[in-house]
Protein backbone atom coordinates (compact mmCIF):
# COMPACT_ATOMS: atom_id res chain seq x y z
CA UNK A 1 91.31 -211.33 -133.28
CA UNK A 2 89.43 -210.28 -136.43
CA UNK A 3 86.37 -208.92 -134.53
CA UNK A 4 84.63 -205.84 -135.93
CA UNK A 5 85.63 -203.50 -133.14
CA UNK A 6 84.14 -200.02 -133.03
CA UNK A 7 87.29 -198.55 -131.54
CA UNK A 8 90.63 -200.21 -132.29
CA UNK A 9 92.01 -201.77 -129.12
CA UNK A 10 95.58 -201.26 -127.92
CA UNK A 11 97.72 -204.38 -127.94
CA UNK A 12 97.43 -204.83 -124.18
CA UNK A 13 93.64 -204.60 -124.44
CA UNK A 14 93.65 -207.16 -127.25
CA UNK A 15 95.84 -209.48 -125.24
CA UNK A 16 93.54 -209.23 -122.14
CA UNK A 17 90.48 -209.89 -124.34
CA UNK A 18 92.17 -212.87 -126.07
CA UNK A 19 93.00 -214.43 -122.78
CA UNK A 20 89.57 -213.97 -121.17
CA UNK A 21 86.67 -213.54 -123.65
CA UNK A 22 85.39 -217.14 -123.48
CA UNK A 23 86.14 -217.84 -119.88
CA UNK A 24 83.26 -218.16 -117.46
CA UNK A 25 85.10 -216.17 -114.82
CA UNK A 26 87.93 -213.70 -115.12
CA UNK A 27 89.53 -210.78 -113.31
CA UNK A 28 90.75 -207.68 -115.17
CA UNK A 29 93.30 -206.28 -112.73
CA UNK A 30 94.18 -203.39 -115.16
CA UNK A 31 95.61 -200.30 -113.77
CA UNK A 32 93.40 -197.20 -114.00
CA UNK A 33 93.71 -195.45 -117.34
CA UNK A 34 94.61 -198.64 -119.31
CA UNK A 35 91.07 -199.03 -120.66
CA UNK A 36 89.57 -202.02 -118.79
CA UNK A 37 86.02 -200.79 -119.44
CA UNK A 38 86.52 -201.14 -123.19
CA UNK A 39 87.89 -204.66 -122.76
CA UNK A 40 84.75 -205.62 -120.83
CA UNK A 41 82.45 -203.93 -123.42
CA UNK A 42 84.16 -205.81 -126.28
CA UNK A 43 83.93 -209.00 -124.32
CA UNK A 44 80.16 -208.47 -123.95
CA UNK A 45 79.81 -207.80 -127.64
CA UNK A 46 81.68 -210.99 -128.68
CA UNK A 47 79.69 -213.15 -126.33
CA UNK A 48 76.35 -211.59 -127.53
CA UNK A 49 77.38 -212.08 -131.22
CA UNK A 50 78.10 -215.72 -130.51
CA UNK A 51 74.72 -216.24 -128.81
CA UNK A 52 76.32 -216.92 -125.42
CA UNK A 53 74.52 -214.07 -123.58
CA UNK A 54 71.67 -211.68 -124.29
CA UNK A 55 72.38 -209.22 -121.50
CA UNK A 56 74.92 -207.65 -119.12
CA UNK A 57 74.52 -206.50 -115.52
CA UNK A 58 77.15 -203.92 -114.60
CA UNK A 59 77.60 -203.24 -110.92
CA UNK A 60 79.54 -200.02 -110.27
CA UNK A 61 80.08 -197.29 -107.64
CA UNK A 62 77.27 -194.77 -107.74
CA UNK A 63 79.45 -192.03 -109.18
CA UNK A 64 80.23 -193.83 -112.48
CA UNK A 65 76.87 -195.23 -113.48
CA UNK A 66 76.42 -192.70 -116.24
CA UNK A 67 80.01 -192.95 -117.27
CA UNK A 68 79.28 -196.55 -118.34
CA UNK A 69 76.50 -195.34 -120.53
CA UNK A 70 78.85 -193.06 -122.32
CA UNK A 71 81.50 -195.74 -122.65
CA UNK A 72 78.98 -198.03 -124.34
CA UNK A 73 78.27 -195.38 -126.94
CA UNK A 74 81.97 -194.91 -127.61
CA UNK A 75 83.03 -198.63 -127.74
CA UNK A 76 80.18 -201.06 -128.34
CA UNK A 77 80.36 -202.46 -131.87
CA UNK A 78 78.14 -200.53 -134.36
CA UNK A 79 76.41 -203.69 -135.63
CA UNK A 80 74.91 -204.49 -132.23
CA UNK A 81 71.53 -203.05 -131.33
CA UNK A 82 71.31 -202.48 -127.63
CA UNK A 83 69.27 -200.84 -124.95
CA UNK A 84 70.50 -199.45 -121.58
CA UNK A 85 68.72 -199.03 -118.23
CA UNK A 86 70.32 -197.31 -115.24
CA UNK A 87 69.06 -198.10 -111.81
CA UNK A 88 67.60 -195.34 -109.70
CA UNK A 89 65.89 -195.58 -106.35
CA UNK A 90 63.64 -192.70 -107.35
CA UNK A 91 63.56 -192.84 -111.19
CA UNK A 92 62.39 -190.02 -113.35
CA UNK A 93 59.89 -190.66 -116.08
CA UNK A 94 62.41 -191.66 -118.74
CA UNK A 95 64.46 -193.71 -116.32
CA UNK A 96 61.36 -195.48 -115.13
CA UNK A 97 60.41 -196.40 -118.62
CA UNK A 98 63.84 -197.84 -119.34
CA UNK A 99 63.60 -200.00 -116.15
CA UNK A 100 60.15 -201.19 -117.09
CA UNK A 101 61.41 -202.16 -120.59
CA UNK A 102 63.90 -204.65 -119.05
CA UNK A 103 61.06 -207.14 -118.60
CA UNK A 104 60.29 -207.04 -122.37
CA UNK A 105 62.12 -209.76 -124.29
CA UNK A 106 63.78 -208.53 -127.53
CA UNK A 107 66.57 -209.56 -129.86
CA UNK A 108 68.70 -206.59 -128.73
CA UNK A 109 71.51 -206.71 -126.18
CA UNK A 110 70.24 -205.46 -122.86
CA UNK A 111 72.61 -203.67 -120.52
CA UNK A 112 71.52 -203.01 -116.96
CA UNK A 113 73.73 -200.73 -114.84
CA UNK A 114 73.30 -200.75 -111.05
CA UNK A 115 75.15 -198.87 -108.41
CA UNK A 116 76.74 -201.08 -105.80
CA UNK A 117 74.89 -199.33 -102.94
CA UNK A 118 71.56 -200.40 -104.32
CA UNK A 119 72.39 -204.03 -103.70
CA UNK A 120 72.44 -203.34 -99.97
CA UNK A 121 68.63 -203.03 -100.19
CA UNK A 122 65.98 -205.68 -100.60
CA UNK A 123 64.39 -203.72 -103.47
CA UNK A 124 67.63 -203.45 -105.43
CA UNK A 125 68.55 -207.08 -104.80
CA UNK A 126 65.14 -208.39 -105.84
CA UNK A 127 65.13 -206.31 -109.02
CA UNK A 128 68.64 -207.69 -110.01
CA UNK A 129 67.61 -211.22 -109.11
CA UNK A 130 64.55 -211.13 -111.35
CA UNK A 131 66.64 -209.68 -114.22
CA UNK A 132 69.15 -212.49 -113.93
CA UNK A 133 66.44 -215.18 -113.85
CA UNK A 134 65.05 -213.97 -117.15
CA UNK A 135 68.26 -213.59 -119.04
CA UNK A 136 71.64 -215.23 -119.93
CA UNK A 137 73.86 -212.58 -118.35
CA UNK A 138 77.40 -211.57 -117.96
CA UNK A 139 77.76 -209.83 -114.55
CA UNK A 140 80.68 -207.47 -114.05
CA UNK A 141 81.61 -205.81 -110.79
CA UNK A 142 83.49 -202.71 -111.81
CA UNK A 143 85.91 -201.41 -109.04
CA UNK A 144 85.46 -204.70 -107.27
CA UNK A 145 87.17 -203.59 -104.08
CA UNK A 146 83.73 -202.25 -103.31
CA UNK A 147 82.88 -205.86 -102.27
CA UNK A 148 86.07 -206.58 -100.35
CA UNK A 149 84.24 -206.49 -96.98
CA UNK A 150 82.98 -210.04 -96.64
CA UNK A 151 80.44 -209.14 -93.95
CA UNK A 152 78.74 -206.31 -95.79
CA UNK A 153 75.15 -206.74 -96.82
CA UNK A 154 75.89 -205.73 -100.42
CA UNK A 155 78.75 -208.24 -100.63
CA UNK A 156 76.54 -211.04 -99.40
CA UNK A 157 73.80 -210.16 -101.86
CA UNK A 158 76.20 -209.85 -104.79
CA UNK A 159 77.69 -213.30 -103.95
CA UNK A 160 74.17 -214.78 -104.03
CA UNK A 161 73.47 -213.11 -107.38
CA UNK A 162 76.66 -214.50 -108.82
CA UNK A 163 75.16 -218.02 -108.81
CA UNK A 164 72.64 -216.92 -111.44
CA UNK A 165 75.21 -215.38 -113.85
CA UNK A 166 76.41 -217.25 -116.92
CA UNK A 167 79.71 -215.25 -116.95
CA UNK A 168 81.31 -213.30 -114.23
CA UNK A 169 84.00 -210.52 -114.33
CA UNK A 170 85.58 -208.32 -111.76
CA UNK A 171 87.61 -205.25 -112.67
CA UNK A 172 89.84 -202.97 -110.65
CA UNK A 173 93.32 -201.47 -110.93
CA UNK A 174 94.22 -202.17 -107.34
CA UNK A 175 92.62 -205.38 -106.00
CA UNK A 176 94.65 -205.02 -102.73
CA UNK A 177 94.12 -201.63 -101.15
CA UNK A 178 94.45 -202.53 -97.48
CA UNK A 179 95.58 -206.05 -97.07
CA UNK A 180 95.79 -209.38 -99.03
CA UNK A 181 92.53 -210.33 -97.32
CA UNK A 182 90.80 -207.79 -99.65
CA UNK A 183 90.90 -210.48 -102.34
CA UNK A 184 88.68 -213.00 -100.67
CA UNK A 185 85.23 -211.64 -101.46
CA UNK A 186 86.22 -210.41 -104.91
CA UNK A 187 87.37 -213.84 -105.91
CA UNK A 188 84.45 -215.53 -104.18
CA UNK A 189 82.21 -213.66 -106.59
CA UNK A 190 84.01 -215.30 -109.47
CA UNK A 191 84.18 -218.86 -108.01
CA UNK A 192 84.49 -219.99 -104.41
CA UNK A 193 86.98 -222.76 -105.41
CA UNK A 194 89.55 -220.48 -107.06
CA UNK A 195 91.46 -219.82 -103.82
CA UNK A 196 90.87 -223.31 -102.32
CA UNK A 197 89.39 -221.66 -99.32
CA UNK A 198 85.60 -221.80 -98.67
CA UNK A 199 85.44 -219.35 -95.81
CA UNK A 200 86.98 -215.98 -94.96
CA UNK A 201 88.34 -217.27 -91.75
CA UNK A 202 90.15 -220.27 -93.36
CA UNK A 203 91.54 -217.90 -95.95
CA UNK A 204 92.73 -215.49 -93.22
CA UNK A 205 94.35 -218.41 -91.36
CA UNK A 206 96.21 -219.40 -94.55
CA UNK A 207 97.54 -216.02 -95.46
CA UNK A 208 97.74 -214.07 -92.20
CA UNK A 209 99.18 -214.56 -88.73
CA UNK A 210 96.59 -213.55 -86.11
CA UNK A 211 97.07 -213.07 -82.39
CA UNK A 212 94.60 -212.34 -79.60
CA UNK A 213 94.99 -208.89 -78.10
CA UNK A 214 93.17 -207.11 -75.28
CA UNK A 215 92.75 -203.46 -74.36
CA UNK A 216 90.98 -203.00 -71.06
CA UNK A 217 87.89 -205.29 -71.23
CA UNK A 218 87.94 -205.23 -75.06
CA UNK A 219 89.40 -208.35 -76.70
CA UNK A 220 90.09 -208.60 -80.45
CA UNK A 221 92.09 -210.48 -83.03
CA UNK A 222 95.04 -208.54 -84.48
CA UNK A 223 96.88 -209.42 -87.76
CA UNK A 224 100.65 -209.13 -87.05
CA UNK A 225 101.92 -210.20 -90.48
CA UNK A 226 101.02 -211.86 -93.83
CA UNK A 227 102.38 -215.16 -95.10
CA UNK A 228 102.45 -217.36 -98.28
CA UNK A 229 101.96 -214.35 -100.54
CA UNK A 230 103.93 -216.08 -103.25
CA UNK A 231 101.40 -218.90 -103.31
CA UNK A 232 98.50 -216.39 -103.35
CA UNK A 233 100.09 -214.54 -106.25
CA UNK A 234 100.46 -217.76 -108.26
CA UNK A 235 96.78 -218.65 -107.72
CA UNK A 236 95.65 -215.21 -108.86
CA UNK A 237 97.55 -215.47 -112.07
CA UNK A 238 95.49 -218.43 -113.22
CA UNK A 239 92.26 -216.40 -113.63
CA UNK A 240 93.39 -212.80 -114.11
CA UNK A 241 95.01 -210.31 -116.40
CA UNK A 242 97.36 -207.85 -114.79
CA UNK A 243 98.12 -204.64 -116.82
CA UNK A 244 100.28 -201.78 -115.61
CA UNK A 245 100.41 -198.53 -117.46
CA UNK A 246 104.20 -198.55 -117.28
CA UNK A 247 104.18 -201.82 -119.20
CA UNK A 248 101.85 -201.01 -122.03
CA UNK A 249 101.22 -197.32 -122.69
CA UNK A 250 103.35 -194.54 -123.95
CA UNK A 251 102.05 -192.27 -121.17
CA UNK A 252 104.16 -189.48 -119.75
CA UNK A 253 105.53 -190.05 -116.31
CA UNK A 254 104.07 -189.00 -112.98
CA UNK A 255 105.99 -186.41 -110.98
CA UNK A 256 105.35 -185.97 -107.25
CA UNK A 257 106.17 -182.86 -105.28
CA UNK A 258 105.50 -181.65 -101.74
CA UNK A 259 104.55 -178.10 -100.60
CA UNK A 260 105.01 -177.57 -96.93
CA UNK A 261 102.34 -175.58 -95.17
CA UNK A 262 103.33 -173.90 -91.93
CA UNK A 263 100.70 -173.93 -89.11
CA UNK A 264 99.39 -170.64 -87.70
CA UNK A 265 99.69 -170.00 -84.05
CA UNK A 266 95.96 -170.64 -83.81
CA UNK A 267 96.37 -174.03 -85.43
CA UNK A 268 99.31 -174.96 -83.26
CA UNK A 269 97.37 -174.20 -80.16
CA UNK A 270 94.24 -176.04 -81.31
CA UNK A 271 96.27 -179.05 -82.52
CA UNK A 272 98.22 -179.34 -79.29
CA UNK A 273 95.07 -179.07 -77.20
CA UNK A 274 93.27 -181.64 -79.29
CA UNK A 275 96.11 -184.09 -78.90
CA UNK A 276 96.21 -183.67 -75.17
CA UNK A 277 92.36 -184.12 -74.98
CA UNK A 278 92.67 -187.33 -77.08
CA UNK A 279 95.33 -188.74 -74.84
CA UNK A 280 93.27 -188.00 -71.76
CA UNK A 281 90.16 -189.49 -73.42
CA UNK A 282 91.99 -192.73 -74.18
CA UNK A 283 93.43 -193.01 -70.72
CA UNK A 284 90.01 -192.82 -69.23
CA UNK A 285 88.04 -194.81 -71.84
CA UNK A 286 88.24 -197.95 -73.86
CA UNK A 287 89.97 -197.26 -77.21
CA UNK A 288 87.79 -198.28 -80.17
CA UNK A 289 88.34 -197.85 -83.96
CA UNK A 290 85.48 -195.30 -84.10
CA UNK A 291 86.93 -193.19 -81.22
CA UNK A 292 90.38 -193.16 -82.70
CA UNK A 293 89.01 -192.20 -86.11
CA UNK A 294 87.04 -189.38 -84.61
CA UNK A 295 90.13 -187.89 -82.95
CA UNK A 296 92.24 -188.30 -86.08
CA UNK A 297 89.67 -186.57 -88.20
CA UNK A 298 89.55 -183.64 -85.81
CA UNK A 299 93.32 -183.25 -85.87
CA UNK A 300 93.28 -183.43 -89.67
CA UNK A 301 90.50 -180.80 -89.86
CA UNK A 302 92.55 -178.42 -87.65
CA UNK A 303 95.48 -178.45 -89.96
CA UNK A 304 93.16 -177.92 -92.96
CA UNK A 305 91.76 -174.81 -91.30
CA UNK A 306 88.53 -175.74 -89.53
CA UNK A 307 87.06 -178.08 -86.91
CA UNK A 308 83.64 -179.63 -86.55
CA UNK A 309 82.37 -179.61 -82.97
CA UNK A 310 80.29 -182.28 -81.26
CA UNK A 311 77.07 -180.39 -82.03
CA UNK A 312 77.91 -180.27 -85.78
CA UNK A 313 79.04 -176.67 -85.89
CA UNK A 314 81.92 -175.81 -88.22
CA UNK A 315 84.46 -173.38 -86.75
CA UNK A 316 87.05 -171.75 -89.03
CA UNK A 317 90.72 -171.66 -87.83
CA UNK A 318 93.17 -169.21 -89.37
CA UNK A 319 95.29 -171.25 -91.85
CA UNK A 320 98.05 -170.84 -94.50
CA UNK A 321 96.65 -173.67 -96.58
CA UNK A 322 94.58 -171.61 -98.96
CA UNK A 323 97.47 -169.17 -99.32
CA UNK A 324 99.87 -171.98 -100.26
CA UNK A 325 97.32 -173.31 -102.78
CA UNK A 326 97.10 -169.86 -104.42
CA UNK A 327 100.92 -169.77 -104.68
CA UNK A 328 100.92 -173.16 -106.35
CA UNK A 329 98.33 -172.04 -108.82
CA UNK A 330 100.28 -168.89 -109.67
CA UNK A 331 103.10 -171.12 -110.75
CA UNK A 332 100.88 -173.34 -112.83
CA UNK A 333 99.66 -172.98 -116.38
CA UNK A 334 96.50 -174.56 -117.80
CA UNK A 335 93.80 -176.40 -116.10
CA UNK A 336 94.14 -177.78 -112.60
CA UNK A 337 92.43 -180.56 -110.63
CA UNK A 338 92.19 -179.85 -106.85
CA UNK A 339 91.07 -182.64 -104.47
CA UNK A 340 90.00 -181.92 -100.93
CA UNK A 341 88.50 -184.31 -98.38
CA UNK A 342 86.18 -181.97 -96.53
CA UNK A 343 83.06 -180.19 -97.77
CA UNK A 344 83.98 -177.06 -95.89
CA UNK A 345 87.40 -176.87 -97.69
CA UNK A 346 85.82 -177.47 -101.11
CA UNK A 347 83.41 -174.60 -100.50
CA UNK A 348 86.20 -172.25 -99.28
CA UNK A 349 88.45 -173.13 -102.18
CA UNK A 350 85.55 -172.36 -104.65
CA UNK A 351 84.86 -169.10 -102.99
CA UNK A 352 88.48 -168.01 -102.94
CA UNK A 353 89.26 -168.99 -106.54
CA UNK A 354 85.98 -167.42 -107.68
CA UNK A 355 87.00 -164.13 -106.13
CA UNK A 356 90.49 -164.22 -107.53
CA UNK A 357 89.96 -165.68 -111.04
CA UNK A 358 86.24 -165.22 -111.59
CA UNK A 359 83.22 -167.44 -110.94
CA UNK A 360 83.34 -169.10 -114.35
CA UNK A 361 86.91 -170.29 -113.69
CA UNK A 362 85.94 -172.78 -110.97
CA UNK A 363 83.49 -175.60 -110.51
CA UNK A 364 82.98 -178.11 -107.64
CA UNK A 365 82.24 -181.81 -107.88
CA UNK A 366 81.26 -183.40 -104.65
CA UNK A 367 78.29 -184.78 -102.73
CA UNK A 368 76.32 -181.54 -102.98
CA UNK A 369 76.80 -181.28 -106.77
CA UNK A 370 73.52 -182.05 -108.57
CA UNK A 371 73.50 -185.13 -110.75
CA UNK A 372 72.10 -183.26 -113.75
CA UNK A 373 75.03 -180.87 -113.96
CA UNK A 374 77.95 -183.15 -113.20
CA UNK A 375 78.55 -184.25 -116.77
CA UNK A 376 78.42 -180.66 -117.97
CA UNK A 377 81.17 -179.74 -115.50
CA UNK A 378 83.37 -182.52 -116.83
CA UNK A 379 82.57 -181.51 -120.48
CA UNK A 380 83.47 -177.88 -119.75
CA UNK A 381 86.66 -178.83 -117.98
CA UNK A 382 87.69 -181.09 -120.89
CA UNK A 383 87.00 -178.25 -123.38
CA UNK A 384 90.31 -176.38 -123.94
CA UNK A 385 88.39 -173.20 -124.95
CA UNK A 386 86.12 -173.10 -121.93
CA UNK A 387 86.79 -170.70 -119.15
CA UNK A 388 86.52 -173.37 -116.51
CA UNK A 389 90.07 -173.77 -115.29
CA UNK A 390 89.81 -175.30 -111.81
CA UNK A 391 88.05 -178.57 -111.08
CA UNK A 392 87.59 -178.79 -107.28
CA UNK A 393 86.31 -182.04 -106.00
CA UNK A 394 86.04 -184.65 -103.32
CA UNK A 395 88.12 -187.63 -104.44
CA UNK A 396 85.48 -190.12 -103.17
CA UNK A 397 82.90 -188.45 -105.44
CA UNK A 398 84.91 -187.37 -108.47
CA UNK A 399 87.87 -189.72 -108.34
CA UNK A 400 86.14 -192.63 -110.04
CA UNK A 401 85.33 -193.06 -113.72
CA UNK A 402 85.98 -189.59 -114.92
CA UNK A 403 88.43 -188.59 -117.65
CA UNK A 404 90.01 -185.28 -116.85
CA UNK A 405 93.07 -185.37 -119.11
CA UNK A 406 92.78 -181.75 -120.01
CA UNK A 407 94.77 -181.15 -116.85
CA UNK A 408 98.43 -182.07 -116.19
CA UNK A 409 98.54 -180.65 -112.70
CA UNK A 410 96.74 -182.27 -109.75
CA UNK A 411 96.80 -180.61 -106.29
CA UNK A 412 95.91 -182.62 -103.15
CA UNK A 413 94.69 -179.99 -100.72
CA UNK A 414 94.22 -182.91 -98.33
CA UNK A 415 94.38 -186.75 -98.27
CA UNK A 416 92.61 -189.49 -96.36
CA UNK A 417 93.82 -193.01 -95.51
CA UNK A 418 92.17 -194.76 -98.51
CA UNK A 419 94.74 -196.04 -100.99
CA UNK A 420 91.96 -196.80 -103.44
CA UNK A 421 90.65 -193.23 -103.37
CA UNK A 422 94.19 -191.87 -103.82
CA UNK A 423 95.03 -194.13 -106.77
CA UNK A 424 91.67 -193.57 -108.44
CA UNK A 425 91.78 -189.84 -108.20
CA UNK A 426 95.41 -189.63 -109.36
CA UNK A 427 94.49 -191.39 -112.59
CA UNK A 428 91.64 -189.08 -113.67
CA UNK A 429 94.37 -187.08 -115.32
CA UNK A 430 96.95 -189.85 -115.95
CA UNK A 431 95.22 -192.14 -118.45
CA UNK A 432 94.70 -192.69 -122.23
CA UNK A 433 94.48 -189.28 -123.87
CA UNK A 434 97.03 -187.57 -121.62
CA UNK A 435 100.01 -186.16 -123.60
CA UNK A 436 101.84 -184.30 -120.88
CA UNK A 437 103.80 -185.20 -117.86
CA UNK A 438 101.38 -185.07 -114.90
CA UNK A 439 102.52 -183.33 -111.73
CA UNK A 440 100.99 -184.11 -108.37
CA UNK A 441 101.34 -181.53 -105.63
CA UNK A 442 100.58 -182.50 -102.03
CA UNK A 443 100.02 -179.75 -99.43
CA UNK A 444 101.55 -181.12 -96.23
CA UNK A 445 101.87 -179.60 -92.68
CA UNK A 446 105.17 -181.07 -91.43
CA UNK A 447 105.28 -183.09 -88.25
CA UNK A 448 101.47 -183.58 -88.25
CA UNK A 449 98.90 -186.18 -89.16
CA UNK A 450 99.44 -185.14 -92.83
CA UNK A 451 102.74 -187.01 -92.79
CA UNK A 452 101.28 -190.03 -91.03
CA UNK A 453 98.60 -190.32 -93.76
CA UNK A 454 101.27 -190.26 -96.49
CA UNK A 455 103.28 -192.88 -94.61
CA UNK A 456 100.24 -195.10 -94.35
CA UNK A 457 99.40 -194.82 -98.00
CA UNK A 458 102.97 -195.70 -99.01
CA UNK A 459 102.92 -198.75 -96.76
CA UNK A 460 99.72 -199.95 -98.34
CA UNK A 461 100.99 -199.62 -101.87
CA UNK A 462 104.12 -201.54 -101.01
CA UNK A 463 102.06 -204.42 -99.59
CA UNK A 464 99.77 -204.36 -102.63
CA UNK A 465 102.84 -204.56 -104.93
CA UNK A 466 104.12 -207.59 -103.05
CA UNK A 467 100.85 -209.50 -103.36
CA UNK A 468 100.57 -208.67 -107.11
CA UNK A 469 104.24 -209.71 -107.68
CA UNK A 470 105.36 -206.26 -108.67
CA UNK A 471 108.35 -204.24 -107.70
CA UNK A 472 107.99 -202.17 -104.52
CA UNK A 473 107.03 -198.60 -105.36
CA UNK A 474 106.00 -195.35 -103.76
CA UNK A 475 102.99 -193.42 -104.93
CA UNK A 476 103.98 -190.27 -103.02
CA UNK A 477 107.13 -188.41 -102.25
CA UNK A 478 109.44 -189.71 -99.51
C-alpha cells in the first residue's frame, strides 16, 4: 500500500491492514506486542481519507483509555486533523469540554474513547448511542474478551450499538481465554451470521457437549468436552487476521523459571486448618461457585502471607515469600516488573523494597494509584536514567495497554486463574521495542494451590491453541 503512514508499519501489520481495511467487519487476533492498535489507527485513517467514516468509537478496558490517546499521537497520519474525547463518569473541566464538543459537526476526524465498564450504565449507553446516530463510525472493541459474557449488561448494550456502526472491529491477542464459547459474543458484535448460530445456546450445542449434573438440590449444566473445533477454526479464518509474535517479529525469546517458596510453620498450620474447614463446610452446605472461590482465595492468601477474615480484617502470617523475592532481585540487574494479585502484598512489597533500595526505587500501579500519576510512573520506569527500578503492580490494573520494555525481568509474586490477565501482563515487557531476552520468574509454594493455578493456566492455553489452529504450547514452566 502506498498510504502516507506516519510510522512505517512492519510487514505483518501491512498484511493485516491490506486484508481488512475495506471490510465492514474484521477481527484482529494479533498477539500482544505485535502492534494491533497501530493497524486499527491506520485503518481508521484510510477510511476517513476515503470519505467512508468521519469518526471512530473505541471501546477499551478502563486502564488503557489514555494509552489510546497516546497511540493516536504516535501513529495517526500527520495530514489528518483530529479531535479526541475520553469518557469520564465525573469529567473534569477539560474533559467535559471535549465531550461537549462531540456534538459539534466539523470536517475533522472525531475519536471517542469509552471504557467498557461505562456501557453497563444507561448514561454511558445513551451517550454512545447518540454519538453513533450523528456520525458514520468505525466501532472497535479493544481487548474484545471483555464482551465474552453473553449475559452481561455491557455485552448486550454493545451488541445493540453495533447495529448503528458502519464498520466494526474487534481486537485481542487471545480470543479464547477460558473456552471456545468465549468467541460467541465477540463475533456477534461483528455480525450475527458469521458463525451460523443466532443464539448462544445453539452455538454451545454445536461446539460443546453438555450434561445435566446435580449437587444436593442444586442442578446445573456441565460442559464435559468440546467438539467440531476444526469447523469453528475454519469459520474464524474467513473474517480474521491471526498474528503470532513468533511468526513475525525478531523479538528475543521468553524464558520461564520457577522459584520454590517454602511455607513457614505458621502457614502450614493455617493452610491445613483452612482446608479442613473448607471440607467441613462443603459437607454441610451446597457447593456453589462463589463459596468455592472464597475458600480458594483464602488458601491462596495464606501462602502469600496474609488472610482476610470474614469481617474484612487483614491478618499477617509469617512468610518466606518476600525473602525469596529479595533473593531473586539480588540476582537481577536492571529494572524489574513485579506482579502481585493482592493489595496487601503490593503494599508490603513497596514498603520492603523502599526500605532496602530507597523510596525512589519503587512505585506501585494498582487500584489505589491515582489516575493523574499513572502515566508519570510508566514514563519514569521507561527512562533508563531514572532511579525508579521496581514497577510493582496488580496485573488486572497494569497488565493492559502499557509498554514496559525497559525491563527484561518479570516476577510473578502471585497468579490468579485468568489466562487473559497472565498473557496481557507477560507482554508488557515482551513487545516491540524489547531487545533483550525476557525472563519470567514465578514464586511457587510447592504442593499448594499455587501449582493448581499454574496447571489451570496451562490447560487453558492448550485449549486456546487448539481452537486457533496453533501448535500446543505452555506459557509457564512444567
